[in-house]
Amino acid sequence: MSDLSMCGGLPPEICEQLSAEEQFIKIRVEKRRFGREVTIIEGIDEREFNLKKLASKLKSKLATGGTAKNGRIELQGDHRHKVKKLLVEMGFPEENITIIE
């Protein structure tokens, strides 16, 4: 997460919330080989959040496979609306999350 130096001495909880509010997240679906769908989550800053840990939480909540690579999270299947709901529950502001249809 964030250093105290980055937040000017604010408590870690407040610093984490401020970091989440600055993220502009895009959620979209890509078609892969054999017609398989993959939900792509982009826009979460790797320096502020551990993408592997976040991907792990999303995978367990959605009971699906996936990975975190190249600065984005990829989940097997079409989970756009569920992912948005989960990210809002995790503290990301709803107005900063865009679902690309």
PDB file of N, CA and C in Angstrom:
ATOM      1  N   MET A   1       0.834  -1.187   0.000  1.00  0.00           N
ATOM      2  CA  MET A   1       0.000   0.000   0.000  1.00  0.00           C
ATOM      3  C   MET A   1       0.878   1.250   0.000  1.00  0.00           C
ATOM      4  N   SER A   2       0.359   2.323   0.497  1.00  0.00           N
ATOM      5  CA  SER A   2       1.038   3.614   0.392  1.00  0.00           C
ATOM      6  C   SER A   2       1.957   3.868   1.575  1.00  0.00           C
ATOM      7  N   ASP A   3       2.976   4.664   1.348  1.00  0.00           N
ATOM      8  CA  ASP A   3       3.867   5.098   2.413  1.00  0.00           C
ATOM      9  C   ASP A   3       3.264   6.282   3.138  1.00  0.00           C
ATOM     10  N   LEU A   4       3.710   6.503   4.366  1.00  0.00           N
ATOM     11  CA  LEU A   4       3.273   7.692   5.090  1.00  0.00           C
ATOM     12  C   LEU A   4       3.785   8.952   4.401  1.00  0.00           C
ATOM     13  N   SER A   5       4.970   8.870   3.797  1.00  0.00           N
ATOM     14  CA  SER A   5       5.546  10.034   3.132  1.00  0.00           C
ATOM     15  C   SER A   5       4.689  10.486   1.951  1.00  0.00           C
ATOM     16  N   MET A   6       3.994   9.545   1.303  1.00  0.00           N
ATOM     17  CA  MET A   6       3.166   9.901   0.155  1.00  0.00           C
ATOM     18  C   MET A   6       1.885  10.613   0.592  1.00  0.00           C
ATOM     19  N   CYS A   7       1.451  10.382   1.825  1.00  0.00           N
ATOM     20  CA  CYS A   7       0.191  10.944   2.307  1.00  0.00           C
ATOM     21  C   CYS A   7       0.402  12.091   3.288  1.00  0.00           C
ATOM     22  N   GLY A   8       1.605  12.518   3.444  1.00  0.00           N
ATOM     23  CA  GLY A   8       1.858  13.646   4.333  1.00  0.00           C
ATOM     24  C   GLY A   8       1.600  13.336   5.792  1.00  0.00           C
ATOM     25  N   GLY A   9       1.784  12.071   6.201  1.00  0.00           N
ATOM     26  CA  GLY A   9       1.608  11.712   7.597  1.00  0.00           C
ATOM     27  C   GLY A   9       0.197  11.317   7.975  1.00  0.00           C
ATOM     28  N   LEU A  10      -0.711  11.205   7.009  1.00  0.00           N
ATOM     29  CA  LEU A  10      -2.072  10.779   7.311  1.00  0.00           C
ATOM     30  C   LEU A  10      -2.093   9.318   7.726  1.00  0.00           C
ATOM     31  N   PRO A  11      -3.097   8.914   8.510  1.00  0.00           N
ATOM     32  CA  PRO A  11      -3.207   7.493   8.872  1.00  0.00           C
ATOM     33  C   PRO A  11      -3.369   6.622   7.624  1.00  0.00           C
ATOM     34  N   PRO A  12      -2.875   5.390   7.661  1.00  0.00           N
ATOM     35  CA  PRO A  12      -2.926   4.503   6.485  1.00  0.00           C
ATOM     36  C   PRO A  12      -4.329   4.285   5.929  1.00  0.00           C
ATOM     37  N   GLU A  13      -5.345   4.215   6.806  1.00  0.00           N
ATOM     38  CA  GLU A  13      -6.714   3.983   6.332  1.00  0.00           C
ATOM     39  C   GLU A  13      -7.192   5.144   5.456  1.00  0.00           C
ATOM     40  N   ILE A  14      -6.920   6.360   5.873  1.00  0.00           N
ATOM     41  CA  ILE A  14      -7.338   7.539   5.108  1.00  0.00           C
ATOM     42  C   ILE A  14      -6.540   7.624   3.815  1.00  0.00           C
ATOM     43  N   CYS A  15      -5.260   7.324   3.885  1.00  0.00           N
ATOM     44  CA  CYS A  15      -4.404   7.352   2.700  1.00  0.00           C
ATOM     45  C   CYS A  15      -4.893   6.336   1.671  1.00  0.00           C
ATOM     46  N   GLU A  16      -5.261   5.140   2.134  1.00  0.00           N
ATOM     47  CA  GLU A  16      -5.751   4.095   1.240  1.00  0.00           C
ATOM     48  C   GLU A  16      -7.050   4.537   0.568  1.00  0.00           C
ATOM     49  N   GLN A  17      -7.945   5.162   1.322  1.00  0.00           N
ATOM     50  CA  GLN A  17      -9.216   5.644   0.766  1.00  0.00           C
ATOM     51  C   GLN A  17      -8.967   6.730  -0.282  1.00  0.00           C
ATOM     52  N   LEU A  18      -8.046   7.639  -0.018  1.00  0.00           N
ATOM     53  CA  LEU A  18      -7.724   8.686  -0.992  1.00  0.00           C
ATOM     54  C   LEU A  18      -7.164   8.082  -2.273  1.00  0.00           C
ATOM     55  N   SER A  19      -6.331   7.063  -2.135  1.00  0.00           N
ATOM     56  CA  SER A  19      -5.762   6.389  -3.302  1.00  0.00           C
ATOM     57  C   SER A  19      -6.849   5.732  -4.134  1.00  0.00           C
ATOM     58  N   ALA A  20      -7.799   5.094  -3.472  1.00  0.00           N
ATOM     59  CA  ALA A  20      -8.894   4.426  -4.180  1.00  0.00           C
ATOM     60  C   ALA A  20      -9.754   5.436  -4.936  1.00  0.00           C
ATOM     61  N   GLU A  21      -9.942   6.612  -4.364  1.00  0.00           N
ATOM     62  CA  GLU A  21     -10.781   7.623  -5.005  1.00  0.00           C
ATOM     63  C   GLU A  21     -10.138   8.216  -6.250  1.00  0.00           C
ATOM     64  N   GLU A  22      -8.821   8.098  -6.386  1.00  0.00           N
ATOM     65  CA  GLU A  22      -8.131   8.656  -7.543  1.00  0.00           C
ATOM     66  C   GLU A  22      -8.082   7.703  -8.729  1.00  0.00           C
ATOM     67  N   GLN A  23      -8.507   6.457  -8.545  1.00  0.00           N
ATOM     68  CA  GLN A  23      -8.456   5.457  -9.606  1.00  0.00           C
ATOM     69  C   GLN A  23      -9.639   5.625 -10.559  1.00  0.00           C
ATOM     70  N   PHE A  24      -9.387   5.523 -11.866  1.00  0.00           N
ATOM     71  CA  PHE A  24     -10.446   5.494 -12.868  1.00  0.00           C
ATOM     72  C   PHE A  24     -10.362   4.133 -13.538  1.00  0.00           C
ATOM     73  N   ILE A  25     -11.314   3.279 -13.206  1.00  0.00           N
ATOM     74  CA  ILE A  25     -11.255   1.873 -13.579  1.00  0.00           C
ATOM     75  C   ILE A  25     -12.180   1.592 -14.756  1.00  0.00           C
ATOM     76  N   LYS A  26     -11.654   0.833 -15.726  1.00  0.00           N
ATOM     77  CA  LYS A  26     -12.453   0.407 -16.886  1.00  0.00           C
ATOM     78  C   LYS A  26     -12.600  -1.099 -16.827  1.00  0.00           C
ATOM     79  N   ILE A  27     -13.847  -1.565 -17.008  1.00  0.00           N
ATOM     80  CA  ILE A  27     -14.123  -3.000 -17.025  1.00  0.00           C
ATOM     81  C   ILE A  27     -14.710  -3.329 -18.387  1.00  0.00           C
ATOM     82  N   ARG A  28     -14.127  -4.315 -19.072  1.00  0.00           N
ATOM     83  CA  ARG A  28     -14.621  -4.696 -20.392  1.00  0.00           C
ATOM     84  C   ARG A  28     -14.455  -6.191 -20.585  1.00  0.00           C
ATOM     85  N   VAL A  29     -15.068  -6.710 -21.659  1.00  0.00           N
ATOM     86  CA  VAL A  29     -14.960  -8.134 -21.974  1.00  0.00           C
ATOM     87  C   VAL A  29     -14.283  -8.282 -23.321  1.00  0.00           C
ATOM     88  N   GLU A  30     -13.336  -9.215 -23.390  1.00  0.00           N
ATOM     89  CA  GLU A  30     -12.643  -9.550 -24.638  1.00  0.00           C
ATOM     90  C   GLU A  30     -13.022 -10.969 -25.028  1.00  0.00           C
ATOM     91  N   LYS A  31     -13.157 -11.182 -26.329  1.00  0.00           N
ATOM     92  CA  LYS A  31     -13.361 -12.542 -26.835  1.00  0.00           C
ATOM     93  C   LYS A  31     -11.983 -13.125 -27.129  1.00  0.00           C
ATOM     94  N   ARG A  32     -11.760 -14.339 -26.670  1.00  0.00           N
ATOM     95  CA  ARG A  32     -10.506 -15.020 -26.920  1.00  0.00           C
ATOM     96  C   ARG A  32     -10.742 -16.196 -27.858  1.00  0.00           C
ATOM     97  N   ARG A  33      -9.737 -17.012 -28.002  1.00  0.00           N
ATOM     98  CA  ARG A  33      -9.859 -18.184 -28.873  1.00  0.00           C
ATOM     99  C   ARG A  33     -11.033 -19.057 -28.454  1.00  0.00           C
ATOM    100  N   PHE A  34     -11.621 -19.694 -29.437  1.00  0.00           N
ATOM    101  CA  PHE A  34     -12.730 -20.619 -29.236  1.00  0.00           C
ATOM    102  C   PHE A  34     -13.948 -19.942 -28.616  1.00  0.00           C
ATOM    103  N   GLY A  35     -14.076 -18.617 -28.765  1.00  0.00           N
ATOM    104  CA  GLY A  35     -15.247 -17.880 -28.294  1.00  0.00           C
ATOM    105  C   GLY A  35     -15.303 -17.663 -26.790  1.00  0.00           C
ATOM    106  N   ARG A  36     -14.216 -17.889 -26.099  1.00  0.00           N
ATOM    107  CA  ARG A  36     -14.214 -17.699 -24.647  1.00  0.00           C
ATOM    108  C   ARG A  36     -14.143 -16.220 -24.309  1.00  0.00           C
ATOM    109  N   GLU A  37     -14.854 -15.841 -23.247  1.00  0.00           N
ATOM    110  CA  GLU A  37     -14.871 -14.444 -22.818  1.00  0.00           C
ATOM    111  C   GLU A  37     -13.963 -14.253 -21.608  1.00  0.00           C
ATOM    112  N   VAL A  38     -13.309 -13.101 -21.572  1.00  0.00           N
ATOM    113  CA  VAL A  38     -12.428 -12.743 -20.461  1.00  0.00           C
ATOM    114  C   VAL A  38     -12.776 -11.327 -20.021  1.00  0.00           C
ATOM    115  N   THR A  39     -13.028 -11.138 -18.731  1.00  0.00           N
ATOM    116  CA  THR A  39     -13.287  -9.812 -18.181  1.00  0.00           C
ATOM    117  C   THR A  39     -11.954  -9.152 -17.871  1.00  0.00           C
ATOM    118  N   ILE A  40     -11.747  -7.951 -18.418  1.00  0.00           N
ATOM    119  CA  ILE A  40     -10.501  -7.201 -18.235  1.00  0.00           C
ATOM    120  C   ILE A  40     -10.783  -6.000 -17.332  1.00  0.00           C
ATOM    121  N   ILE A  41      -9.984  -5.838 -16.289  1.00  0.00           N
ATOM    122  CA  ILE A  41     -10.107  -4.701 -15.366  1.00  0.00           C
ATOM    123  C   ILE A  41      -8.819  -3.902 -15.481  1.00  0.00           C
ATOM    124  N   GLU A  42      -8.923  -2.655 -15.945  1.00  0.00           N
ATOM    125  CA  GLU A  42      -7.752  -1.793 -16.142  1.00  0.00           C
ATOM    126  C   GLU A  42      -7.921  -0.489 -15.371  1.00  0.00           C
ATOM    127  N   GLY A  43      -6.812   0.147 -15.070  1.00  0.00           N
ATOM    128  CA  GLY A  43      -6.844   1.468 -14.461  1.00  0.00           C
ATOM    129  C   GLY A  43      -6.523   1.492 -12.980  1.00  0.00           C
ATOM    130  N   ILE A  44      -6.273   0.345 -12.382  1.00  0.00           N
ATOM    131  CA  ILE A  44      -5.889   0.302 -10.970  1.00  0.00           C
ATOM    132  C   ILE A  44      -4.370   0.437 -10.905  1.00  0.00           C
ATOM    133  N   ASP A  45      -3.899   1.406 -10.149  1.00  0.00           N
ATOM    134  CA  ASP A  45      -2.467   1.700 -10.072  1.00  0.00           C
ATOM    135  C   ASP A  45      -1.724   0.599  -9.316  1.00  0.00           C
ATOM    136  N   GLU A  46      -0.778  -0.031  -9.994  1.00  0.00           N
ATOM    137  CA  GLU A  46       0.001  -1.124  -9.391  1.00  0.00           C
ATOM    138  C   GLU A  46       0.835  -0.658  -8.208  1.00  0.00           C
ATOM    139  N   ARG A  47       1.241   0.600  -8.197  1.00  0.00           N
ATOM    140  CA  ARG A  47       2.069   1.102  -7.104  1.00  0.00           C
ATOM    141  C   ARG A  47       1.247   1.311  -5.841  1.00  0.00           C
ATOM    142  N   GLU A  48      -0.059   1.543  -5.986  1.00  0.00           N
ATOM    143  CA  GLU A  48      -0.924   1.797  -4.828  1.00  0.00           C
ATOM    144  C   GLU A  48      -1.568   0.519  -4.292  1.00  0.00           C
ATOM    145  N   PHE A  49      -1.876  -0.420  -5.190  1.00  0.00           N
ATOM    146  CA  PHE A  49      -2.606  -1.631  -4.811  1.00  0.00           C
ATOM    147  C   PHE A  49      -1.874  -2.864  -5.325  1.00  0.00           C
ATOM    148  N   ASN A  50      -1.914  -3.934  -4.565  1.00  0.00           N
ATOM    149  CA  ASN A  50      -1.325  -5.194  -4.968  1.00  0.00           C
ATOM    150  C   ASN A  50      -2.322  -5.900  -5.889  1.00  0.00           C
ATOM    151  N   LEU A  51      -2.052  -5.874  -7.197  1.00  0.00           N
ATOM    152  CA  LEU A  51      -2.996  -6.445  -8.167  1.00  0.00           C
ATOM    153  C   LEU A  51      -3.174  -7.941  -7.972  1.00  0.00           C
ATOM    154  N   LYS A  52      -2.119  -8.639  -7.608  1.00  0.00           N
ATOM    155  CA  LYS A  52      -2.236 -10.087  -7.416  1.00  0.00           C
ATOM    156  C   LYS A  52      -3.181 -10.402  -6.254  1.00  0.00           C
ATOM    157  N   LYS A  53      -3.074  -9.650  -5.171  1.00  0.00           N
ATOM    158  CA  LYS A  53      -3.946  -9.864  -4.018  1.00  0.00           C
ATOM    159  C   LYS A  53      -5.395  -9.491  -4.362  1.00  0.00           C
ATOM    160  N   LEU A  54      -5.575  -8.382  -5.078  1.00  0.00           N
ATOM    161  CA  LEU A  54      -6.906  -7.961  -5.499  1.00  0.00           C
ATOM    162  C   LEU A  54      -7.518  -8.983  -6.458  1.00  0.00           C
ATOM    163  N   ALA A  55      -6.717  -9.491  -7.393  1.00  0.00           N
ATOM    164  CA  ALA A  55      -7.192 -10.511  -8.327  1.00  0.00           C
ATOM    165  C   ALA A  55      -7.597 -11.767  -7.573  1.00  0.00           C
ATOM    166  N   SER A  56      -6.820 -12.139  -6.580  1.00  0.00           N
ATOM    167  CA  SER A  56      -7.122 -13.322  -5.783  1.00  0.00           C
ATOM    168  C   SER A  56      -8.468 -13.175  -5.065  1.00  0.00           C
ATOM    169  N   LYS A  57      -8.723 -11.994  -4.490  1.00  0.00           N
ATOM    170  CA  LYS A  57     -10.001 -11.751  -3.815  1.00  0.00           C
ATOM    171  C   LYS A  57     -11.158 -11.851  -4.806  1.00  0.00           C
ATOM    172  N   LEU A  58     -11.003 -11.226  -5.975  1.00  0.00           N
ATOM    173  CA  LEU A  58     -12.066 -11.254  -6.981  1.00  0.00           C
ATOM    174  C   LEU A  58     -12.313 -12.683  -7.469  1.00  0.00           C
ATOM    175  N   LYS A  59     -11.243 -13.433  -7.703  1.00  0.00           N
ATOM    176  CA  LYS A  59     -11.378 -14.808  -8.184  1.00  0.00           C
ATOM    177  C   LYS A  59     -12.131 -15.671  -7.171  1.00  0.00           C
ATOM    178  N   SER A  60     -11.822 -15.511  -5.899  1.00  0.00           N
ATOM    179  CA  SER A  60     -12.494 -16.330  -4.896  1.00  0.00           C
ATOM    180  C   SER A  60     -13.958 -15.928  -4.728  1.00  0.00           C
ATOM    181  N   LYS A  61     -14.254 -14.631  -4.796  1.00  0.00           N
ATOM    182  CA  LYS A  61     -15.648 -14.176  -4.683  1.00  0.00           C
ATOM    183  C   LYS A  61     -16.487 -14.619  -5.875  1.00  0.00           C
ATOM    184  N   LEU A  62     -15.879 -14.653  -7.067  1.00  0.00           N
ATOM    185  CA  LEU A  62     -16.612 -14.991  -8.286  1.00  0.00           C
ATOM    186  C   LEU A  62     -16.484 -16.468  -8.657  1.00  0.00           C
ATOM    187  N   ALA A  63     -15.691 -17.221  -7.929  1.00  0.00           N
ATOM    188  CA  ALA A  63     -15.467 -18.641  -8.195  1.00  0.00           C
ATOM    189  C   ALA A  63     -15.055 -18.864  -9.648  1.00  0.00           C
ATOM    190  N   THR A  64     -14.008 -18.152 -10.051  1.00  0.00           N
ATOM    191  CA  THR A  64     -13.509 -18.254 -11.421  1.00  0.00           C
ATOM    192  C   THR A  64     -11.986 -18.206 -11.417  1.00  0.00           C
ATOM    193  N   GLY A  65     -11.397 -18.484 -12.552  1.00  0.00           N
ATOM    194  CA  GLY A  65      -9.960 -18.384 -12.701  1.00  0.00           C
ATOM    195  C   GLY A  65      -9.582 -17.024 -13.236  1.00  0.00           C
ATOM    196  N   GLY A  66      -8.307 -16.718 -13.194  1.00  0.00           N
ATOM    197  CA  GLY A  66      -7.849 -15.444 -13.722  1.00  0.00           C
ATOM    198  C   GLY A  66      -6.417 -15.173 -13.333  1.00  0.00           C
ATOM    199  N   THR A  67      -5.960 -13.970 -13.684  1.00  0.00           N
ATOM    200  CA  THR A  67      -4.577 -13.589 -13.408  1.00  0.00           C
ATOM    201  C   THR A  67      -4.455 -12.070 -13.338  1.00  0.00           C
ATOM    202  N   ALA A  68      -3.325 -11.614 -12.815  1.00  0.00           N
ATOM    203  CA  ALA A  68      -2.984 -10.193 -12.820  1.00  0.00           C
ATOM    204  C   ALA A  68      -1.667 -10.071 -13.569  1.00  0.00           C
ATOM    205  N   LYS A  69      -1.692  -9.388 -14.726  1.00  0.00           N
ATOM    206  CA  LYS A  69      -0.469  -9.201 -15.499  1.00  0.00           C
ATOM    207  C   LYS A  69      -0.587  -7.955 -16.359  1.00  0.00           C
ATOM    208  N   ASN A  70       0.557  -7.396 -16.703  1.00  0.00           N
ATOM    209  CA  ASN A  70       0.635  -6.206 -17.550  1.00  0.00           C
ATOM    210  C   ASN A  70      -0.213  -5.047 -17.014  1.00  0.00           C
ATOM    211  N   GLY A  71      -0.291  -4.914 -15.697  1.00  0.00           N
ATOM    212  CA  GLY A  71      -1.015  -3.804 -15.097  1.00  0.00           C
ATOM    213  C   GLY A  71      -2.526  -3.929 -15.167  1.00  0.00           C
ATOM    214  N   ARG A  72      -3.028  -5.131 -15.392  1.00  0.00           N
ATOM    215  CA  ARG A  72      -4.476  -5.331 -15.444  1.00  0.00           C
ATOM    216  C   ARG A  72      -4.832  -6.689 -14.864  1.00  0.00           C
ATOM    217  N   ILE A  73      -6.106  -6.845 -14.527  1.00  0.00           N
ATOM    218  CA  ILE A  73      -6.607  -8.112 -13.990  1.00  0.00           C
ATOM    219  C   ILE A  73      -7.478  -8.751 -15.057  1.00  0.00           C
ATOM    220  N   GLU A  74      -7.272 -10.035 -15.297  1.00  0.00           N
ATOM    221  CA  GLU A  74      -8.062 -10.781 -16.277  1.00  0.00           C
ATOM    222  C   GLU A  74      -8.783 -11.904 -15.544  1.00  0.00           C
ATOM    223  N   LEU A  75     -10.108 -11.973 -15.718  1.00  0.00           N
ATOM    224  CA  LEU A  75     -10.918 -13.011 -15.097  1.00  0.00           C
ATOM    225  C   LEU A  75     -11.633 -13.805 -16.177  1.00  0.00           C
ATOM    226  N   GLN A  76     -11.688 -15.112 -16.025  1.00  0.00           N
ATOM    227  CA  GLN A  76     -12.355 -15.947 -17.016  1.00  0.00           C
ATOM    228  C   GLN A  76     -13.862 -15.753 -16.914  1.00  0.00           C
ATOM    229  N   GLY A  77     -14.513 -15.503 -18.061  1.00  0.00           N
ATOM    230  CA  GLY A  77     -15.959 -15.328 -18.107  1.00  0.00           C
ATOM    231  C   GLY A  77     -16.357 -13.859 -18.116  1.00  0.00           C
ATOM    232  N   ASP A  78     -17.653 -13.610 -18.311  1.00  0.00           N
ATOM    233  CA  ASP A  78     -18.195 -12.248 -18.337  1.00  0.00           C
ATOM    234  C   ASP A  78     -18.733 -11.917 -16.948  1.00  0.00           C
ATOM    235  N   HIS A  79     -17.979 -11.110 -16.190  1.00  0.00           N
ATOM    236  CA  HIS A  79     -18.344 -10.746 -14.812  1.00  0.00           C
ATOM    237  C   HIS A  79     -18.387  -9.234 -14.622  1.00  0.00           C
ATOM    238  N   ARG A  80     -18.646  -8.479 -15.679  1.00  0.00           N
ATOM    239  CA  ARG A  80     -18.542  -7.019 -15.610  1.00  0.00           C
ATOM    240  C   ARG A  80     -19.327  -6.415 -14.448  1.00  0.00           C
ATOM    241  N   HIS A  81     -20.605  -6.721 -14.350  1.00  0.00           N
ATOM    242  CA  HIS A  81     -21.456  -6.071 -13.347  1.00  0.00           C
ATOM    243  C   HIS A  81     -21.141  -6.564 -11.933  1.00  0.00           C
ATOM    244  N   LYS A  82     -20.807  -7.838 -11.796  1.00  0.00           N
ATOM    245  CA  LYS A  82     -20.432  -8.376 -10.484  1.00  0.00           C
ATOM    246  C   LYS A  82     -19.124  -7.755 -10.000  1.00  0.00           C
ATOM    247  N   VAL A  83     -18.166  -7.583 -10.920  1.00  0.00           N
ATOM    248  CA  VAL A  83     -16.874  -6.992 -10.559  1.00  0.00           C
ATOM    249  C   VAL A  83     -17.064  -5.556 -10.091  1.00  0.00           C
ATOM    250  N   LYS A  84     -17.909  -4.801 -10.774  1.00  0.00           N
ATOM    251  CA  LYS A  84     -18.153  -3.415 -10.372  1.00  0.00           C
ATOM    252  C   LYS A  84     -18.716  -3.377  -8.957  1.00  0.00           C
ATOM    253  N   LYS A  85     -19.682  -4.241  -8.673  1.00  0.00           N
ATOM    254  CA  LYS A  85     -20.284  -4.291  -7.346  1.00  0.00           C
ATOM    255  C   LYS A  85     -19.235  -4.648  -6.288  1.00  0.00           C
ATOM    256  N   LEU A  86     -18.382  -5.627  -6.580  1.00  0.00           N
ATOM    257  CA  LEU A  86     -17.341  -6.029  -5.632  1.00  0.00           C
ATOM    258  C   LEU A  86     -16.311  -4.925  -5.399  1.00  0.00           C
ATOM    259  N   LEU A  87     -15.926  -4.226  -6.468  1.00  0.00           N
ATOM    260  CA  LEU A  87     -14.956  -3.131  -6.314  1.00  0.00           C
ATOM    261  C   LEU A  87     -15.529  -2.003  -5.472  1.00  0.00           C
ATOM    262  N   VAL A  88     -16.821  -1.725  -5.635  1.00  0.00           N
ATOM    263  CA  VAL A  88     -17.469  -0.696  -4.810  1.00  0.00           C
ATOM    264  C   VAL A  88     -17.453  -1.131  -3.346  1.00  0.00           C
ATOM    265  N   GLU A  89     -17.729  -2.407  -3.087  1.00  0.00           N
ATOM    266  CA  GLU A  89     -17.680  -2.930  -1.712  1.00  0.00           C
ATOM    267  C   GLU A  89     -16.274  -2.849  -1.127  1.00  0.00           C
ATOM    268  N   MET A  90     -15.254  -2.920  -1.973  1.00  0.00           N
ATOM    269  CA  MET A  90     -13.857  -2.868  -1.514  1.00  0.00           C
ATOM    270  C   MET A  90     -13.376  -1.434  -1.301  1.00  0.00           C
ATOM    271  N   GLY A  91     -14.219  -0.448  -1.596  1.00  0.00           N
ATOM    272  CA  GLY A  91     -13.854   0.938  -1.302  1.00  0.00           C
ATOM    273  C   GLY A  91     -13.582   1.822  -2.497  1.00  0.00           C
ATOM    274  N   PHE A  92     -13.684   1.298  -3.713  1.00  0.00           N
ATOM    275  CA  PHE A  92     -13.505   2.137  -4.894  1.00  0.00           C
ATOM    276  C   PHE A  92     -14.818   2.884  -5.162  1.00  0.00           C
ATOM    277  N   PRO A  93     -14.777   4.187  -5.457  1.00  0.00           N
ATOM    278  CA  PRO A  93     -16.004   4.949  -5.701  1.00  0.00           C
ATOM    279  C   PRO A  93     -16.704   4.494  -6.985  1.00  0.00           C
ATOM    280  N   GLU A  94     -18.015   4.322  -6.900  1.00  0.00           N
ATOM    281  CA  GLU A  94     -18.806   3.815  -8.025  1.00  0.00           C
ATOM    282  C   GLU A  94     -18.709   4.715  -9.251  1.00  0.00           C
ATOM    283  N   GLU A  95     -18.637   6.025  -9.037  1.00  0.00           N
ATOM    284  CA  GLU A  95     -18.593   6.960 -10.176  1.00  0.00           C
ATOM    285  C   GLU A  95     -17.284   6.877 -10.947  1.00  0.00           C
ATOM    286  N   ASN A  96     -16.245   6.263 -10.379  1.00  0.00           N
ATOM    287  CA  ASN A  96     -14.954   6.122 -11.062  1.00  0.00           C
ATOM    288  C   ASN A  96     -14.805   4.796 -11.797  1.00  0.00           C
ATOM    289  N   ILE A  97     -15.852   3.964 -11.768  1.00  0.00           N
ATOM    290  CA  ILE A  97     -15.795   2.649 -12.426  1.00  0.00           C
ATOM    291  C   ILE A  97     -16.700   2.676 -13.639  1.00  0.00           C
ATOM    292  N   THR A  98     -16.121   2.404 -14.807  1.00  0.00           N
ATOM    293  CA  THR A  98     -16.864   2.413 -16.064  1.00  0.00           C
ATOM    294  C   THR A  98     -16.908   1.018 -16.643  1.00  0.00           C
ATOM    295  N   ILE A  99     -18.125   0.596 -17.021  1.00  0.00           N
ATOM    296  CA  ILE A  99     -18.276  -0.691 -17.717  1.00  0.00           C
ATOM    297  C   ILE A  99     -18.393  -0.384 -19.205  1.00  0.00           C
ATOM    298  N   ILE A 100     -17.496  -0.964 -19.980  1.00  0.00           N
ATOM    299  CA  ILE A 100     -17.506  -0.763 -21.430  1.00  0.00           C
ATOM    300  C   ILE A 100     -18.252  -1.931 -22.052  1.00  0.00           C
ATOM    301  N   GLU A 101     -19.373  -1.631 -22.682  1.00  0.00           N
ATOM    302  CA  GLU A 101     -20.212  -2.669 -23.284  1.00  0.00           C
ATOM    303  C   GLU A 101     -19.699  -3.055 -24.665  1.00  0.00           C
TER     304      GLU A 101
END
